Protein backbone atom coordinates (compact mmCIF):
# COMPACT_ATOMS: atom_id res chain seq x y z
CA MET A 1 94.36 115.01 14.24
CA SER A 2 92.34 115.67 11.11
CA SER A 3 88.83 114.33 10.61
CA GLN A 4 90.17 112.02 7.90
CA ASP A 5 92.71 110.52 10.32
CA ARG A 6 90.04 110.04 12.99
CA THR A 7 87.75 108.32 10.48
CA SER A 8 90.57 106.02 9.34
CA SER A 9 91.45 105.18 12.96
CA ARG A 10 87.83 104.41 13.84
CA ARG A 11 87.47 102.26 10.74
CA ALA A 12 90.60 100.30 11.67
CA ARG A 13 89.24 99.65 15.18
CA ILE A 14 85.94 98.41 13.75
CA LEU A 15 87.78 96.05 11.41
CA LYS A 16 89.88 94.69 14.28
CA ILE A 17 86.80 94.09 16.46
CA SER A 18 85.01 92.37 13.58
CA ALA A 19 88.01 90.13 12.93
CA VAL A 20 88.30 89.13 16.60
CA THR A 21 84.55 88.48 16.85
CA SER A 22 84.56 86.32 13.71
CA ALA A 23 87.57 84.34 14.89
CA GLY A 24 85.95 83.76 18.29
CA ALA A 25 82.69 82.60 16.73
CA LEU A 26 84.59 80.22 14.44
CA PHE A 27 86.59 78.84 17.38
CA LEU A 28 83.51 78.31 19.54
CA SER A 29 81.60 76.68 16.69
CA GLY A 30 84.24 73.96 16.65
CA CYS A 31 82.93 72.84 20.05
CA SER A 32 79.30 72.53 18.91
CA SER A 33 77.57 69.37 17.77
CA GLU A 34 76.84 70.97 14.40
CA ALA A 35 80.57 71.36 13.77
CA GLN A 36 81.09 67.67 14.44
CA THR A 37 78.38 66.58 11.97
CA GLY A 38 78.64 69.37 9.42
CA TRP A 39 75.01 70.31 10.14
CA LEU A 40 73.88 66.93 8.83
CA PRO A 41 70.71 65.32 10.30
CA SER A 42 72.51 62.40 11.92
CA ASP A 43 75.12 61.16 14.39
CA ARG A 44 78.31 59.29 13.61
CA ASP A 45 77.03 55.99 15.05
CA THR A 46 73.57 55.87 13.43
CA THR A 47 74.95 53.36 10.91
CA ASN A 48 78.42 52.18 9.99
CA HIS A 49 78.41 54.63 7.05
CA THR A 50 77.31 57.88 8.70
CA GLY A 51 80.73 58.64 10.20
CA ARG A 52 82.44 58.18 6.85
CA ILE A 53 79.87 60.37 5.08
CA ILE A 54 80.15 63.09 7.72
CA ASP A 55 83.95 63.09 7.40
CA LEU A 56 83.72 63.39 3.60
CA TRP A 57 81.18 66.22 3.92
CA VAL A 58 83.14 68.20 6.53
CA ASN A 59 86.55 67.71 4.87
CA SER A 60 85.12 68.74 1.49
CA TRP A 61 83.86 71.96 3.02
CA ILE A 62 87.25 72.58 4.65
CA ALA A 63 88.98 72.08 1.31
CA ALA A 64 86.47 74.37 -0.43
CA LEU A 65 86.94 77.04 2.25
CA ALA A 66 90.73 76.87 1.95
CA VAL A 67 90.52 77.24 -1.83
CA GLY A 68 88.07 80.10 -1.44
CA ILE A 69 90.30 81.96 1.04
CA LEU A 70 93.33 81.53 -1.22
CA THR A 71 91.38 82.72 -4.26
CA TRP A 72 89.95 85.74 -2.46
CA ALA A 73 93.41 86.61 -1.12
CA LEU A 74 94.93 86.50 -4.61
CA ILE A 75 92.11 88.64 -6.00
CA LEU A 76 92.54 91.25 -3.26
CA TRP A 77 96.31 91.20 -3.69
CA CYS A 78 95.99 91.85 -7.42
CA MET A 79 93.53 94.67 -6.76
CA VAL A 80 95.95 96.34 -4.37
CA ALA A 81 99.29 95.59 -6.05
CA TYR A 82 98.20 96.50 -9.56
CA ARG A 83 95.83 99.35 -8.84
CA ARG A 84 96.24 102.58 -10.74
CA ARG A 85 98.44 105.06 -8.86
CA LYS A 86 97.58 108.73 -8.49
CA ASN A 87 100.02 109.98 -11.09
CA GLU A 88 99.32 107.25 -13.65
CA THR A 89 97.06 107.61 -16.67
CA GLY A 90 95.67 105.13 -19.13
CA TYR A 91 95.78 101.37 -18.92
CA PRO A 92 98.75 99.50 -17.39
CA ARG A 93 101.04 97.48 -19.64
CA GLN A 94 99.10 94.54 -21.07
CA LEU A 95 100.50 90.99 -21.30
CA SER A 96 99.23 88.63 -23.98
CA TYR A 97 100.09 85.53 -21.98
CA ASN A 98 102.24 84.17 -19.16
CA LEU A 99 103.11 80.54 -19.74
CA PRO A 100 104.26 79.62 -16.19
CA LEU A 101 101.17 81.25 -14.70
CA GLU A 102 98.84 79.49 -17.14
CA ILE A 103 100.47 76.12 -16.39
CA PHE A 104 100.07 76.80 -12.66
CA TYR A 105 96.39 77.73 -13.02
CA THR A 106 95.77 74.55 -15.04
CA ALA A 107 97.81 72.09 -12.96
CA VAL A 108 96.60 73.15 -9.51
CA PRO A 109 92.83 72.85 -10.20
CA LEU A 110 93.43 69.54 -12.00
CA PHE A 111 95.37 68.22 -9.00
CA MET A 112 92.61 69.36 -6.64
CA VAL A 113 89.90 67.65 -8.69
CA LEU A 114 91.89 64.39 -8.79
CA VAL A 115 92.42 64.45 -5.01
CA LEU A 116 88.75 65.09 -4.33
CA PHE A 117 87.78 62.40 -6.83
CA TYR A 118 90.08 59.86 -5.16
CA PHE A 119 88.70 60.33 -1.66
CA THR A 120 85.10 60.52 -2.87
CA ASN A 121 85.50 57.37 -4.96
CA GLN A 122 87.02 55.50 -2.02
CA ASP A 123 84.06 56.39 0.18
CA ILE A 124 81.48 55.59 -2.49
CA LYS A 125 82.98 52.13 -3.03
CA ALA A 126 82.98 51.44 0.72
CA ILE A 127 79.39 52.64 1.14
CA ASN A 128 78.04 50.69 -1.85
CA ALA A 129 79.90 47.48 -1.00
CA THR A 130 77.65 44.47 -0.42
CA SER A 131 78.10 41.81 2.25
CA ASP A 132 78.20 38.01 2.04
CA ASP A 133 77.53 37.64 5.76
CA PRO A 134 75.23 34.58 6.04
CA ASP A 135 73.61 36.08 9.15
CA ARG A 136 72.68 39.37 7.50
CA VAL A 137 69.07 40.52 7.65
CA ILE A 138 67.61 40.67 4.12
CA ILE A 139 64.61 42.90 3.49
CA ASP A 140 63.00 43.30 0.09
CA VAL A 141 61.69 46.88 -0.05
CA ARG A 142 58.87 47.31 -2.58
CA ALA A 143 57.98 50.89 -3.47
CA LYS A 144 54.57 51.62 -4.99
CA GLN A 145 52.34 54.61 -5.63
CA TRP A 146 52.19 55.84 -2.90
CA SER A 147 53.30 53.56 -0.11
CA TRP A 148 55.80 50.81 0.77
CA ASP A 149 55.82 47.02 1.21
CA PHE A 150 58.53 45.27 3.21
CA ASN A 151 59.36 41.58 2.71
CA TYR A 152 61.43 40.02 5.49
CA VAL A 153 63.10 37.45 3.27
CA ASN A 154 64.86 35.22 5.82
CA GLU A 155 61.76 34.93 7.98
CA ASP A 156 59.33 34.63 5.01
CA LYS A 157 57.15 37.41 6.45
CA TYR A 158 55.81 40.61 4.97
CA TYR A 159 54.38 43.99 5.84
CA GLN A 160 52.07 45.63 3.31
CA GLY A 161 51.69 49.38 3.54
CA THR A 162 48.53 51.27 2.60
CA GLN A 163 48.07 54.71 1.16
CA VAL A 164 47.35 57.38 3.76
CA ASN A 165 46.54 61.08 3.65
CA LEU A 166 45.46 61.06 0.00
CA ASP A 167 42.46 63.25 0.80
CA GLY A 168 44.51 65.84 2.67
CA THR A 169 43.45 64.68 6.12
CA GLU A 170 46.21 65.06 8.69
CA VAL A 171 47.36 61.70 10.02
CA SER A 172 49.74 60.64 12.76
CA ALA A 173 53.22 59.41 11.86
CA ASP A 174 52.27 56.17 13.62
CA GLU A 175 50.04 55.37 10.63
CA PHE A 176 52.89 55.51 8.14
CA PRO A 177 54.37 52.22 6.86
CA THR A 178 57.09 51.07 9.24
CA LEU A 179 60.31 49.27 8.44
CA VAL A 180 61.67 47.53 11.55
CA LEU A 181 65.40 46.72 11.76
CA PRO A 182 67.47 45.01 14.49
CA VAL A 183 70.29 47.02 16.04
CA ASP A 184 73.94 46.01 15.64
CA GLN A 185 73.13 43.80 12.66
CA THR A 186 74.19 43.77 9.01
CA ILE A 187 71.16 44.77 6.94
CA GLU A 188 70.71 44.21 3.22
CA LEU A 189 67.92 46.30 1.70
CA GLN A 190 66.90 45.06 -1.74
CA LEU A 191 65.15 47.99 -3.40
CA ASN A 192 62.45 47.29 -6.00
CA THR A 193 59.47 49.14 -7.43
CA ARG A 194 56.04 47.80 -8.30
CA ASP A 195 55.23 50.56 -10.80
CA VAL A 196 57.21 53.73 -11.59
CA GLN A 197 60.58 55.09 -10.48
CA HIS A 198 60.91 55.92 -6.77
CA SER A 199 63.77 56.71 -4.40
CA PHE A 200 64.47 55.28 -0.93
CA TRP A 201 65.73 57.95 1.47
CA VAL A 202 66.30 57.89 5.22
CA PRO A 203 67.92 61.28 6.04
CA ALA A 204 69.37 60.03 9.35
CA PHE A 205 71.22 57.27 7.45
CA LEU A 206 72.69 59.89 5.08
CA GLN A 207 71.95 57.53 2.20
CA LYS A 208 69.54 57.76 -0.71
CA MET A 209 69.18 55.35 -3.60
CA ASP A 210 66.89 55.46 -6.61
CA ILE A 211 64.62 52.51 -7.43
CA TYR A 212 64.05 51.63 -11.08
CA PRO A 213 61.43 49.32 -12.65
CA GLY A 214 62.88 45.92 -13.51
CA ARG A 215 66.07 46.48 -11.53
CA THR A 216 67.13 45.69 -7.96
CA ASN A 217 69.42 48.13 -6.17
CA ILE A 218 71.00 47.18 -2.85
CA ILE A 219 71.91 49.15 0.27
CA THR A 220 74.04 47.30 2.82
CA LEU A 221 74.58 48.85 6.23
CA GLU A 222 75.06 48.04 9.90
CA THR A 223 72.69 49.65 12.35
CA GLY A 224 74.45 51.37 15.23
CA LYS A 225 71.80 52.63 17.62
CA THR A 226 68.11 52.21 18.39
CA GLY A 227 65.55 54.85 17.56
CA THR A 228 62.82 55.91 15.16
CA PHE A 229 63.83 57.68 11.95
CA ASP A 230 61.87 59.36 9.17
CA GLY A 231 61.90 58.00 5.64
CA LYS A 232 60.45 59.26 2.39
CA CYS A 233 60.45 58.86 -1.37
CA ALA A 234 62.90 61.34 -2.89
CA GLU A 235 61.88 60.96 -6.55
CA LEU A 236 58.80 62.64 -8.00
CA CYS A 237 56.53 59.65 -8.65
CA GLY A 238 53.08 61.05 -9.20
CA GLU A 239 50.30 63.13 -7.71
CA TYR A 240 50.77 62.03 -4.09
CA HIS A 241 54.54 61.75 -4.06
CA SER A 242 54.77 64.04 -1.02
CA GLU A 243 52.63 61.61 1.00
CA MET A 244 54.91 58.62 0.34
CA LEU A 245 56.37 58.61 3.84
CA PHE A 246 57.48 55.81 6.12
CA ASN A 247 59.15 55.16 9.46
CA VAL A 248 62.27 53.19 10.26
CA GLU A 249 62.43 51.69 13.74
CA VAL A 250 65.75 50.25 14.90
CA VAL A 251 65.07 47.99 17.88
CA THR A 252 66.82 45.31 19.89
CA GLU A 253 67.13 41.82 18.43
CA ASP A 254 64.47 40.41 20.77
CA GLU A 255 62.04 43.19 19.86
CA TYR A 256 62.74 42.59 16.19
CA ASN A 257 62.06 38.85 16.48
CA ASP A 258 58.84 39.50 18.41
CA TYR A 259 57.69 41.99 15.76
CA VAL A 260 58.41 39.70 12.82
CA GLU A 261 56.44 36.90 14.49
CA THR A 262 53.32 39.09 14.36
CA LEU A 263 53.54 39.55 10.57
CA PRO A 264 51.70 37.35 8.05
CA SER A 265 53.66 34.69 6.22
CA GLY A 266 54.61 35.01 2.57
CA GLN A 267 55.98 37.75 0.33
CA VAL A 268 54.42 40.73 -1.46
CA ASP A 269 55.47 40.70 -5.11
CA GLY A 270 54.39 41.58 -8.63
CA GLU A 271 51.90 44.15 -9.83
CA TYR A 272 48.94 45.40 -7.85
CA ASP A 273 45.66 47.23 -8.37
CA ARG A 274 45.43 50.70 -6.86
CA GLN A 275 42.11 52.01 -5.64
CA TYR A 276 41.50 55.19 -3.72
CA THR A 277 38.82 57.80 -3.22
CA SER A 278 38.76 61.23 -1.67
CA GLU A 279 37.79 59.71 1.66
CA SER A 280 39.77 56.49 1.90
CA SER A 281 42.30 54.35 0.13
CA GLU A 282 42.79 50.64 -0.28
CA VAL A 283 45.66 48.64 -1.75
CA ARG A 284 45.45 45.01 -2.69
CA LYS A 285 47.79 42.53 -4.27
């Protein structure tokens, strides 16, 4: 056997081992939790929307991977089938156009875009749908530089957040403003801002919505499990945007009622004066 034959044989064995290893890794990854969530920071039962969002995310990646594999296969096939042979010189015969091929390359991508648009639009409409449930929990979320106020509308109670960490001092997450929600309840979050544009984002809920001055946006969801989740502003809103953090605690109904009872009566609304120094911060209505 020549050295060239031995090299080709060794290269073929390496390619086979690599293919088997890749296939095994892909198969095993299907059993992992990341494969079930698409590497998203949530579980399917966190809210009534997370499962739908995870399915859209994972299926979109599957569709993109299938298109990518088909495209790569066609590219490789063209490279091999139409390569220049040893005894050929010059360029191969050139074609100015191929009408059936051009129609195919136009129709297939258009069909794919329409299919993806249909499923995405269906999910967006379901996620953004509001509820007329008379027993829903209504919370007026008021964003402000650089904290959050929460009005519990049905109970006529409020929580007023204060600015923390504006001087760079490390603080515990327990000091962040906290939004408390009851589990297994329909929640309506009415999003408003008291100054500039902000954005309400709870990564575990897989939902983010911008908040505009003079406009109320609404997120309606059903909580699915108890726990503490991180929240943050996702829209650059000023110097201390990165410190505009909050917690979301989903608790049992009894714990929620007990918590609301400890809050002061009334609602936080309107403009406010902002005062802060390098050592402390204070917010007042």
